[in-house]
Protein backbone atom coordinates (compact mmCIF):
# COMPACT_ATOMS: atom_id res chain seq x y z
CA MET A 1 88.94 134.90 100.41
CA GLN A 2 88.33 132.95 97.21
CA ARG A 3 85.29 133.55 95.16
CA CYS A 4 83.56 130.69 93.45
CA VAL A 5 80.79 130.68 90.91
CA ASP A 6 77.83 128.37 90.47
CA VAL A 7 76.66 128.43 86.86
CA GLN A 8 73.41 127.38 85.28
CA ILE A 9 73.22 127.11 81.51
CA GLY A 10 69.92 125.88 80.20
CA GLY A 11 69.00 122.84 82.29
CA ASP A 12 72.62 122.06 83.29
CA THR A 13 73.99 123.30 86.58
CA ALA A 14 77.67 123.43 87.54
CA PHE A 15 78.30 123.64 91.26
CA GLY A 16 81.80 125.12 91.30
CA CYS A 17 81.71 126.16 94.97
CA LEU A 18 80.42 122.84 96.20
CA ASN A 19 82.89 120.87 94.07
CA GLU A 20 85.85 122.90 95.31
CA LYS A 21 84.77 122.56 98.94
CA LEU A 22 84.35 118.79 98.60
CA ARG A 23 87.71 118.46 96.80
CA ARG A 24 89.47 120.28 99.66
CA GLU A 25 87.81 117.99 102.22
CA VAL A 26 88.81 114.86 100.30
CA ASP A 27 92.40 116.10 99.90
CA LYS A 28 92.64 116.58 103.67
CA VAL A 29 91.64 112.98 104.31
CA ASN A 30 93.31 111.33 101.30
CA PRO A 31 96.14 113.47 99.92
CA THR A 32 97.46 112.55 96.51
CA LEU A 33 101.02 111.25 96.47
CA ASN A 34 103.37 112.35 93.76
CA LEU A 35 104.73 108.90 92.88
CA PRO A 36 106.07 107.80 89.52
CA PRO A 37 104.06 105.13 87.73
CA ILE A 38 105.20 101.53 87.69
CA ASP A 39 107.24 100.79 84.59
CA ALA A 40 109.58 98.15 83.19
CA ARG A 41 112.42 99.33 85.44
CA SER A 42 110.41 98.93 88.65
CA SER A 43 111.56 96.30 91.12
CA ASP A 44 109.87 92.91 91.12
CA VAL A 45 108.55 93.41 94.63
CA ARG A 46 106.93 96.71 93.72
CA VAL A 47 105.30 95.26 90.60
CA GLY A 48 104.00 92.32 92.63
CA ILE A 49 105.83 89.41 91.06
CA GLY A 50 108.29 87.03 92.66
CA ASN A 51 111.98 87.53 92.04
CA GLU A 52 114.38 84.80 90.96
CA ALA A 53 116.12 84.46 94.32
CA ALA A 54 112.81 83.91 96.10
CA VAL A 55 111.67 81.33 93.54
CA ARG A 56 115.00 79.47 93.83
CA GLN A 57 114.62 79.40 97.61
CA GLN A 58 111.05 78.12 97.43
CA LEU A 59 111.60 75.45 94.78
CA GLY A 60 114.94 74.21 96.10
CA SER A 61 116.43 71.41 93.99
CA ASN A 62 113.34 71.40 91.76
CA TYR A 63 114.22 74.85 90.35
CA GLY A 64 114.25 74.65 86.57
CA ARG A 65 112.65 71.19 86.49
CA THR A 66 109.12 71.62 87.83
CA ILE A 67 106.83 74.16 89.47
CA THR A 68 106.29 71.88 92.46
CA PRO A 69 108.31 73.09 95.48
CA PHE A 70 110.92 70.70 96.85
CA ARG A 71 109.84 68.99 100.04
CA PRO A 72 112.29 66.78 101.91
CA PRO A 73 110.99 63.30 102.75
CA SER A 74 109.05 63.21 105.98
CA ILE A 75 110.66 61.68 109.01
CA SER A 76 108.72 58.78 110.41
CA ASN A 77 108.54 58.64 114.16
CA VAL A 78 110.02 55.38 115.38
CA LEU A 79 109.56 54.42 118.98
CA PRO A 80 112.76 53.22 120.65
CA HIS A 81 112.96 49.53 121.66
CA ARG A 82 112.59 48.79 125.35
């Protein structure tokens, strides 16, 4: 059994027992993950930016010329002659 101490110094009170109990409850619901931070070597997808292959696919023949994606001309519906 762990012992915890609640301390009062002057007008300040430290609730060690209550804080520890609440921390354990929070850790049960939302455990901390031991993940490395995002750095310059992180993948584009992880950082949240688009990668070059995806941008090339989206822009098509406009890649390197404009930021407007390439859209092929629309096909007009022509009714056949009767």
